[in-house]
Amino acid sequence: MSTGTAGDWAGSVVLLLASSTGGVGQHVASLARGLVANGVGVTVCGPAATEQQFTFTASGARFVPVEIPANPTPADARAVAALRRVLTGPVDVVHAHGLRAGLVAVLARPVVPVVVTWHNAVLATGVRGQLSRFVERVVARRARITLGASADLVDRARALGAPDARLAPVAAPTLPPPRRTRGAVRAEFGVAPDQPLILSVGRLHPQKRYDVLVDAAARWRGLEPAPVVVIAGSGPSYLQLAARISAARAPVTLLGHRTDVADLLGGADLAVVTSDWEARQLFAQETLRAGVPLVATAVGGLPELVGDAVVLVPPGDVDAIDEAVRALLADADRRAELSRAGAARAAEWPTEAETVATVTAIYAELAPAEVPGRQPDDSATGPAGATGSAAGQV
């Protein structure tokens, strides 16, 4: 049975996530790696597609499929039942990531504490927005501890009645070293030596407002030399963006899902984030660590993340993006200054190891001395952690 001391806490935790192709899945994978390395038993529960993309089991974690789609459906009842079966085994803490996973976690009513990390704000309107705000309230009030990836999420959870809401910044996993040279990356996209390459990475979703980037890029055709803009990522907005690019004759290429972000950053002259909202966006973190100058929207947790190390502009403002990019492309000294400032800012952020230590301390704080109905299980050891029987129940 686990103890309540953080330094050597080696209990067992269920990490729960819904459908994810980006930051949430990367964060859960990072936590799983760090926790397993520290002797914590980890079971990851989520859609089968998340294991295929993020390979949680590669770190020694157990994976149990629990299908939680992006939007609430009657199938949520099956997800709750699947999670309850996992929780019949030895578990000390359930840590859900995102509101969808948080809802399934609190509806399962585990006897152990539930921690929910809020990664995103609710931006939807209409009936979907009303439903999402109802979910927010339920999850905020029923979670033992709510962790917000940015200060505005913490404030939101408190306003909705969360009994204990805390800021818990999400560290971007360290990218591997580039495998290709800068010249090789630029050659892939036909970028001439004196031609700027502008990069954005993220899910193709309305929240990212890539329509703003496309409209601004259409104005850059007249620059000499005209920049090449590439967007790496997949998502539901692909067809609309492709049509917009074609209609505007914008110099933008949609790359689809990429696993070589480090290479792309190595070839880029400038990065752009046009989102309507972000917490501590992983791409923004990766960009500053790589020393690539960044233009980003002043939304959510981005200003507190980047400080004055980037050029911040209002969201949804094509003119502001256009002007900021033009100014940087014309000023090599300013780009170099931002490159240095970004790398210095990034050095101040919590590391993956520090993020793991933060959540481990929370687990140790919450882990009870005894869990009603739970029998001690001294056999659950090894690299997969203390959750073997839990996963085997499904």
Protein backbone atom coordinates (compact mmCIF):
# COMPACT_ATOMS: atom_id res chain seq x y z
CA MET A 1 0.00 0.00 0.00
CA SER A 2 1.25 3.48 -0.76
CA THR A 3 2.33 6.05 1.76
CA GLY A 4 1.71 9.77 1.77
CA THR A 5 5.29 10.96 1.27
CA ALA A 6 6.05 12.52 -2.11
CA GLY A 7 9.74 11.76 -2.45
CA ASP A 8 9.37 7.96 -2.55
CA TRP A 9 5.69 7.63 -3.44
CA ALA A 10 5.28 4.43 -5.40
CA GLY A 11 1.57 3.87 -5.45
CA SER A 12 -0.57 3.27 -8.52
CA VAL A 13 -2.38 5.78 -10.68
CA VAL A 14 -4.84 5.58 -13.54
CA LEU A 15 -4.23 8.26 -16.19
CA LEU A 16 -7.41 8.80 -18.21
CA LEU A 17 -7.76 10.72 -21.46
CA ALA A 18 -10.32 11.12 -24.24
CA SER A 19 -9.63 11.32 -27.97
CA SER A 20 -6.40 13.22 -28.57
CA THR A 21 -3.99 13.75 -31.44
CA GLY A 22 -1.85 16.47 -29.89
CA GLY A 23 -0.91 18.17 -26.65
CA VAL A 24 -3.04 16.24 -24.15
CA GLY A 25 -1.81 12.89 -25.43
CA GLN A 26 1.79 14.08 -25.42
CA HIS A 27 1.43 15.29 -21.83
CA VAL A 28 -0.07 12.00 -20.65
CA ALA A 29 2.74 10.10 -22.40
CA SER A 30 5.30 12.34 -20.71
CA LEU A 31 3.73 11.76 -17.29
CA ALA A 32 3.55 8.01 -17.87
CA ARG A 33 7.25 7.85 -18.75
CA GLY A 34 8.30 9.87 -15.74
CA LEU A 35 6.03 8.15 -13.26
CA VAL A 36 7.03 4.64 -14.36
CA ALA A 37 10.70 5.62 -14.19
CA ASN A 38 10.11 6.71 -10.59
CA GLY A 39 8.54 3.40 -9.59
CA VAL A 40 4.88 4.43 -9.81
CA GLY A 41 2.41 1.90 -11.18
CA VAL A 42 0.70 3.46 -14.19
CA THR A 43 -2.36 2.35 -16.12
CA VAL A 44 -3.34 4.59 -19.01
CA CYS A 45 -6.98 4.43 -20.11
CA GLY A 46 -8.23 6.03 -23.29
CA PRO A 47 -9.31 5.37 -26.88
CA ALA A 48 -7.31 2.66 -28.64
CA ALA A 49 -6.17 5.25 -31.18
CA THR A 50 -4.29 7.14 -28.48
CA GLU A 51 -2.15 4.10 -27.69
CA GLN A 52 -1.42 3.71 -31.40
CA GLN A 53 -0.25 7.30 -31.66
CA PHE A 54 1.47 7.86 -28.31
CA THR A 55 2.55 4.27 -27.39
CA PHE A 56 2.12 4.61 -23.65
CA THR A 57 3.14 0.99 -23.19
CA ALA A 58 6.61 1.74 -24.58
CA SER A 59 7.43 3.37 -21.24
CA GLY A 60 6.28 0.36 -19.23
CA ALA A 61 2.78 1.61 -18.48
CA ARG A 62 -0.24 -0.64 -18.90
CA PHE A 63 -2.89 0.44 -21.39
CA VAL A 64 -6.59 -0.37 -21.18
CA PRO A 65 -8.89 0.80 -24.00
CA VAL A 66 -11.66 3.09 -22.74
CA GLU A 67 -13.36 4.76 -25.68
CA ILE A 68 -14.13 8.39 -24.83
CA PRO A 69 -15.03 10.35 -27.99
CA ALA A 70 -14.39 14.07 -28.35
CA ASN A 71 -18.05 14.94 -27.70
CA PRO A 72 -20.55 13.53 -25.16
CA THR A 73 -22.67 10.65 -26.48
CA PRO A 74 -24.78 7.86 -24.94
CA ALA A 75 -21.63 5.72 -25.37
CA ASP A 76 -20.20 7.54 -22.36
CA ALA A 77 -22.06 4.99 -20.23
CA ARG A 78 -19.86 2.25 -21.70
CA ALA A 79 -16.76 4.31 -20.94
CA VAL A 80 -17.87 4.72 -17.33
CA ALA A 81 -18.48 0.97 -17.04
CA ALA A 82 -15.08 0.19 -18.55
CA LEU A 83 -13.35 2.52 -16.13
CA ARG A 84 -15.19 0.98 -13.18
CA ARG A 85 -13.82 -2.42 -14.17
CA VAL A 86 -10.30 -1.01 -14.14
CA LEU A 87 -10.91 0.47 -10.71
CA THR A 88 -11.70 -2.94 -9.18
CA GLY A 89 -7.95 -3.47 -9.01
CA PRO A 90 -5.47 -1.67 -6.75
CA VAL A 91 -5.50 2.03 -7.58
CA ASP A 92 -4.54 4.98 -5.37
CA VAL A 93 -5.49 7.95 -7.57
CA VAL A 94 -7.40 8.57 -10.79
CA HIS A 95 -5.95 11.45 -12.82
CA ALA A 96 -8.14 12.51 -15.75
CA HIS A 97 -6.95 14.87 -18.46
CA GLY A 98 -9.49 17.18 -20.07
CA LEU A 99 -13.17 17.74 -19.35
CA ARG A 100 -14.37 14.73 -21.32
CA ALA A 101 -12.13 12.34 -19.41
CA GLY A 102 -12.91 14.24 -16.22
CA LEU A 103 -16.63 13.65 -16.68
CA VAL A 104 -16.16 9.91 -17.16
CA ALA A 105 -13.91 9.80 -14.11
CA VAL A 106 -16.34 11.53 -11.75
CA LEU A 107 -19.33 9.59 -13.09
CA ALA A 108 -17.48 6.35 -12.32
CA ARG A 109 -17.53 7.46 -8.63
CA PRO A 110 -14.26 5.79 -7.61
CA VAL A 111 -13.56 5.35 -3.92
CA VAL A 112 -10.10 6.84 -4.50
CA PRO A 113 -9.48 10.55 -5.14
CA VAL A 114 -9.97 12.04 -8.59
CA VAL A 115 -7.62 14.67 -9.98
CA VAL A 116 -8.62 16.43 -13.20
CA THR A 117 -6.27 18.55 -15.29
CA TRP A 118 -8.04 21.18 -17.38
CA HIS A 119 -6.15 21.67 -20.63
CA ASN A 120 -8.62 23.73 -22.65
CA ALA A 121 -11.24 26.42 -22.26
CA VAL A 122 -14.81 25.96 -23.50
CA LEU A 123 -15.16 28.07 -26.64
CA ALA A 124 -18.23 26.41 -28.19
CA THR A 125 -21.52 28.28 -28.40
CA GLY A 126 -25.14 27.21 -28.76
CA VAL A 127 -26.37 23.86 -27.44
CA ARG A 128 -22.90 22.33 -27.54
CA GLY A 129 -21.50 25.22 -25.53
CA GLN A 130 -24.29 24.94 -22.95
CA LEU A 131 -23.62 21.22 -22.56
CA SER A 132 -19.88 21.80 -22.23
CA ARG A 133 -20.39 24.44 -19.55
CA PHE A 134 -22.64 22.03 -17.65
CA VAL A 135 -19.86 19.42 -17.85
CA GLU A 136 -17.40 22.02 -16.55
CA ARG A 137 -19.53 22.61 -13.48
CA VAL A 138 -20.01 18.91 -12.74
CA VAL A 139 -16.31 18.11 -13.13
CA ALA A 140 -15.17 21.14 -11.13
CA ARG A 141 -17.38 20.31 -8.15
CA ARG A 142 -16.77 16.56 -8.04
CA ALA A 143 -13.00 16.40 -8.57
CA ARG A 144 -10.94 16.31 -5.40
CA ILE A 145 -8.28 18.54 -6.97
CA THR A 146 -8.52 20.50 -10.21
CA LEU A 147 -5.27 21.38 -11.96
CA GLY A 148 -5.31 24.17 -14.54
CA ALA A 149 -2.69 24.37 -17.27
CA SER A 150 -3.05 28.17 -17.17
CA ALA A 151 -4.20 30.72 -14.61
CA ASP A 152 -7.46 31.50 -16.42
CA LEU A 153 -8.45 27.82 -16.24
CA VAL A 154 -7.78 27.79 -12.50
CA ASP A 155 -9.93 30.90 -12.07
CA ARG A 156 -12.70 29.31 -14.11
CA ALA A 157 -12.68 26.12 -12.04
CA ARG A 158 -12.82 28.10 -8.79
CA ALA A 159 -15.71 30.19 -10.08
CA LEU A 160 -17.62 26.99 -10.84
CA GLY A 161 -17.18 25.64 -7.33
CA ALA A 162 -14.01 23.54 -7.46
CA PRO A 163 -13.07 22.77 -3.83
CA ASP A 164 -9.33 22.85 -4.61
CA ALA A 165 -8.01 24.36 -7.85
CA ARG A 166 -4.31 24.83 -8.49
CA LEU A 167 -2.03 25.98 -11.28
CA ALA A 168 0.00 23.09 -12.71
CA PRO A 169 1.91 24.16 -15.83
CA VAL A 170 2.28 21.50 -18.53
CA ALA A 171 5.83 21.03 -19.78
CA ALA A 172 6.33 20.23 -23.44
CA PRO A 173 8.25 16.97 -23.90
CA THR A 174 11.79 17.60 -25.12
CA LEU A 175 12.03 17.17 -28.87
CA PRO A 176 14.64 14.79 -30.23
CA PRO A 177 17.59 16.34 -32.10
CA PRO A 178 16.87 17.17 -35.76
CA ARG A 179 17.61 14.29 -38.09
CA ARG A 180 17.98 16.43 -41.21
CA THR A 181 19.93 19.54 -42.02
CA ARG A 182 18.30 22.93 -42.40
CA GLY A 183 19.00 22.79 -46.12
CA ALA A 184 17.36 19.38 -46.50
CA VAL A 185 14.19 20.54 -44.75
CA ARG A 186 13.93 23.65 -46.89
CA ALA A 187 14.59 21.67 -50.04
CA GLU A 188 11.57 19.49 -49.26
CA PHE A 189 9.35 22.54 -49.67
CA GLY A 190 11.27 24.16 -52.52
CA VAL A 191 12.45 27.08 -50.38
CA ALA A 192 15.28 29.11 -51.94
CA PRO A 193 18.27 30.09 -49.75
CA ASP A 194 17.08 33.69 -49.41
CA GLN A 195 13.38 32.80 -49.09
CA PRO A 196 11.69 32.83 -45.64
CA LEU A 197 10.06 29.66 -44.35
CA ILE A 198 7.20 30.29 -41.89
CA LEU A 199 5.96 27.40 -39.74
CA SER A 200 2.90 26.65 -37.66
CA VAL A 201 2.11 23.34 -35.96
CA GLY A 202 -1.20 22.29 -34.44
CA ARG A 203 -4.47 20.50 -34.90
CA LEU A 204 -6.51 21.74 -37.83
CA HIS A 205 -9.41 22.97 -35.73
CA PRO A 206 -11.40 26.24 -35.69
CA GLN A 207 -9.80 27.19 -32.34
CA LYS A 208 -6.41 27.47 -34.07
CA ARG A 209 -7.74 30.11 -36.50
CA TYR A 210 -5.57 29.02 -39.37
CA ASP A 211 -7.98 30.93 -41.59
CA VAL A 212 -6.33 34.10 -40.22
CA LEU A 213 -2.89 32.80 -41.16
CA VAL A 214 -4.06 31.84 -44.65
CA ASP A 215 -5.60 35.27 -45.26
CA ALA A 216 -2.43 36.99 -44.06
CA ALA A 217 -0.24 34.71 -46.15
CA ALA A 218 -2.22 35.61 -49.27
CA ARG A 219 -0.96 39.18 -48.80
CA TRP A 220 2.66 38.03 -48.73
CA ARG A 221 2.69 36.89 -52.34
CA GLY A 222 3.91 40.35 -53.31
CA LEU A 223 6.91 40.30 -50.98
CA GLU A 224 10.33 39.83 -52.50
CA PRO A 225 11.18 37.10 -51.88
CA ALA A 226 7.73 35.73 -51.04
CA PRO A 227 7.74 33.50 -47.95
CA VAL A 228 6.67 29.87 -47.97
CA VAL A 229 4.17 28.98 -45.21
CA VAL A 230 3.73 25.40 -43.97
CA ILE A 231 1.22 24.11 -41.41
CA ALA A 232 1.83 20.70 -39.81
CA GLY A 233 -1.15 18.96 -38.30
CA SER A 234 -4.36 17.11 -39.07
CA GLY A 235 -7.93 17.68 -38.01
CA PRO A 236 -11.51 18.47 -38.98
CA SER A 237 -10.76 21.83 -40.64
CA TYR A 238 -8.56 20.36 -43.39
CA LEU A 239 -11.03 20.60 -46.27
CA GLN A 240 -12.17 24.13 -45.40
CA LEU A 241 -8.59 25.34 -45.08
CA ALA A 242 -7.54 23.66 -48.33
CA ALA A 243 -10.42 25.38 -50.13
CA ARG A 244 -9.52 28.74 -48.56
CA ILE A 245 -5.87 28.37 -49.56
CA SER A 246 -6.87 27.60 -53.13
CA ALA A 247 -9.37 30.46 -53.37
CA ALA A 248 -6.94 33.00 -51.92
CA ARG A 249 -3.96 31.61 -53.86
CA ALA A 250 -2.09 31.75 -50.58
CA PRO A 251 1.48 30.36 -50.44
CA VAL A 252 0.48 27.84 -47.76
CA THR A 253 1.03 24.08 -47.70
CA LEU A 254 -0.86 21.77 -45.36
CA LEU A 255 1.59 19.06 -44.37
CA GLY A 256 -0.73 16.77 -42.42
CA HIS A 257 0.46 14.98 -39.29
CA ARG A 258 4.24 15.16 -38.88
CA THR A 259 6.61 13.49 -36.46
CA ASP A 260 9.61 15.65 -37.41
CA VAL A 261 8.75 18.93 -35.69
CA ALA A 262 12.36 19.33 -34.59
CA ASP A 263 13.44 19.16 -38.24
CA LEU A 264 10.76 21.64 -39.30
CA LEU A 265 11.83 24.11 -36.61
CA GLY A 266 15.42 23.74 -37.73
CA GLY A 267 14.45 24.84 -41.22
CA ALA A 268 12.11 27.68 -40.21
CA ASP A 269 12.88 31.38 -40.08
CA LEU A 270 9.72 32.31 -38.20
CA ALA A 271 6.83 30.61 -36.40
CA VAL A 272 3.25 31.80 -36.05
CA VAL A 273 0.41 30.91 -33.64
CA THR A 274 -3.00 32.36 -34.51
CA SER A 275 -5.22 30.58 -31.96
CA ASP A 276 -8.29 32.07 -30.31
CA TRP A 277 -7.17 30.43 -27.06
CA GLU A 278 -4.27 28.36 -25.72
CA ALA A 279 -3.06 27.37 -22.27
CA ARG A 280 0.67 26.57 -22.42
CA GLN A 281 0.73 25.49 -26.05
CA LEU A 282 3.34 22.84 -26.69
CA PHE A 283 4.32 24.25 -30.09
CA ALA A 284 5.00 27.66 -28.56
CA GLN A 285 7.25 25.99 -26.01
CA GLU A 286 9.03 23.98 -28.69
CA THR A 287 9.52 27.09 -30.80
CA LEU A 288 11.17 29.14 -28.07
CA ARG A 289 13.37 26.23 -27.01
CA ALA A 290 14.55 25.94 -30.62
CA GLY A 291 15.33 29.66 -30.77
CA VAL A 292 12.87 30.36 -33.59
CA PRO A 293 11.25 33.83 -33.48
CA LEU A 294 7.53 33.61 -32.77
CA VAL A 295 4.46 35.73 -33.51
CA ALA A 296 1.55 34.60 -31.33
CA THR A 297 -1.88 35.75 -30.23
CA ALA A 298 -2.21 37.23 -26.73
CA VAL A 299 -4.78 34.72 -25.48
CA GLY A 300 -5.26 32.37 -22.53
CA GLY A 301 -2.00 31.36 -20.91
CA LEU A 302 0.28 32.39 -23.78
CA PRO A 303 1.26 35.83 -22.40
CA GLU A 304 2.23 34.38 -19.02
CA LEU A 305 4.13 31.61 -20.80
CA VAL A 306 6.21 33.68 -23.23
CA GLY A 307 6.51 37.08 -21.53
CA ASP A 308 8.21 39.60 -23.81
CA ALA A 309 10.18 36.96 -25.72
CA VAL A 310 7.71 36.91 -28.64
CA VAL A 311 5.64 39.35 -30.65
CA LEU A 312 2.08 39.21 -29.29
CA VAL A 313 -0.91 40.31 -31.38
CA PRO A 314 -4.69 40.35 -30.84
CA PRO A 315 -6.62 37.21 -31.85
CA GLY A 316 -8.58 37.11 -35.09
CA ASP A 317 -6.72 40.12 -36.52
CA VAL A 318 -5.37 39.51 -40.02
CA ASP A 319 -3.85 42.99 -40.19
CA ALA A 320 -1.93 42.45 -36.95
CA ILE A 321 -0.49 39.11 -38.10
CA ASP A 322 0.38 40.58 -41.48
CA GLU A 323 2.16 43.59 -40.01
CA ALA A 324 4.04 41.64 -37.35
CA VAL A 325 5.35 39.08 -39.82
CA ARG A 326 6.34 41.72 -42.37
CA ALA A 327 8.22 43.68 -39.71
CA LEU A 328 10.17 40.63 -38.56
CA LEU A 329 10.98 39.45 -42.06
CA ALA A 330 12.48 42.89 -42.74
CA ASP A 331 14.52 43.01 -39.52
CA ALA A 332 17.15 40.29 -39.08
CA ASP A 333 18.47 41.91 -35.90
CA ARG A 334 15.04 41.80 -34.27
CA ARG A 335 14.66 38.14 -35.22
CA ALA A 336 18.03 37.37 -33.66
CA GLU A 337 17.03 39.26 -30.52
CA LEU A 338 13.80 37.26 -30.22
CA SER A 339 15.70 34.04 -30.81
CA ARG A 340 17.97 34.75 -27.85
CA ALA A 341 15.12 35.98 -25.65
CA GLY A 342 13.00 32.94 -26.45
CA ALA A 343 15.72 30.48 -25.54
CA ALA A 344 16.34 32.35 -22.27
CA ARG A 345 12.62 32.36 -21.44
CA ALA A 346 12.34 28.65 -22.16
CA ALA A 347 15.16 27.91 -19.74
CA GLU A 348 12.94 29.26 -16.92
CA TRP A 349 10.05 26.86 -17.54
CA PRO A 350 9.42 23.71 -15.50
CA THR A 351 11.00 20.62 -16.99
CA GLU A 352 9.22 17.33 -17.64
CA ALA A 353 10.87 15.91 -14.50
CA GLU A 354 9.63 18.84 -12.42
CA THR A 355 6.13 18.39 -13.81
CA VAL A 356 6.20 14.72 -12.86
CA ALA A 357 7.44 15.65 -9.37
CA THR A 358 4.55 18.12 -8.98
CA VAL A 359 1.85 15.59 -9.79
CA THR A 360 3.55 12.90 -7.72
CA ALA A 361 3.46 15.20 -4.70
CA ILE A 362 -0.27 15.68 -5.29
CA TYR A 363 -0.82 11.92 -5.51
CA ALA A 364 1.10 11.45 -2.26
CA GLU A 365 -0.99 14.17 -0.62
CA LEU A 366 -4.22 12.48 -1.66
CA ALA A 367 -3.37 8.79 -1.43
CA PRO A 368 -5.25 7.36 1.56
CA ALA A 369 -3.69 5.07 4.12
CA GLU A 370 -6.44 2.56 3.41
CA VAL A 371 -8.98 2.24 0.64
CA PRO A 372 -12.31 0.65 1.60
CA GLY A 373 -12.77 -2.70 -0.09
CA ARG A 374 -9.21 -2.89 -1.36
CA GLN A 375 -6.99 -5.83 -0.50
CA PRO A 376 -3.22 -5.31 -0.30
CA ASP A 377 -1.42 -6.51 -3.40
CA ASP A 378 2.28 -7.02 -2.85
CA SER A 379 2.75 -8.89 -6.10
CA ALA A 380 2.26 -5.89 -8.40
CA THR A 381 5.83 -4.97 -9.15
CA GLY A 382 8.07 -4.59 -12.15
CA PRO A 383 8.41 -1.97 -14.89
CA ALA A 384 4.68 -1.90 -15.58
CA GLY A 385 4.04 -0.85 -11.99
CA ALA A 386 1.48 -1.90 -9.42
CA THR A 387 -1.54 -1.94 -11.68
CA GLY A 388 -1.27 -5.35 -13.29
CA SER A 389 -4.44 -6.75 -11.74
CA ALA A 390 -6.30 -3.53 -12.45
CA ALA A 391 -5.67 -3.76 -16.16
CA GLY A 392 -6.44 -7.45 -16.14
CA GLN A 393 -10.00 -6.81 -15.04
CA VAL A 394 -11.00 -5.49 -18.45
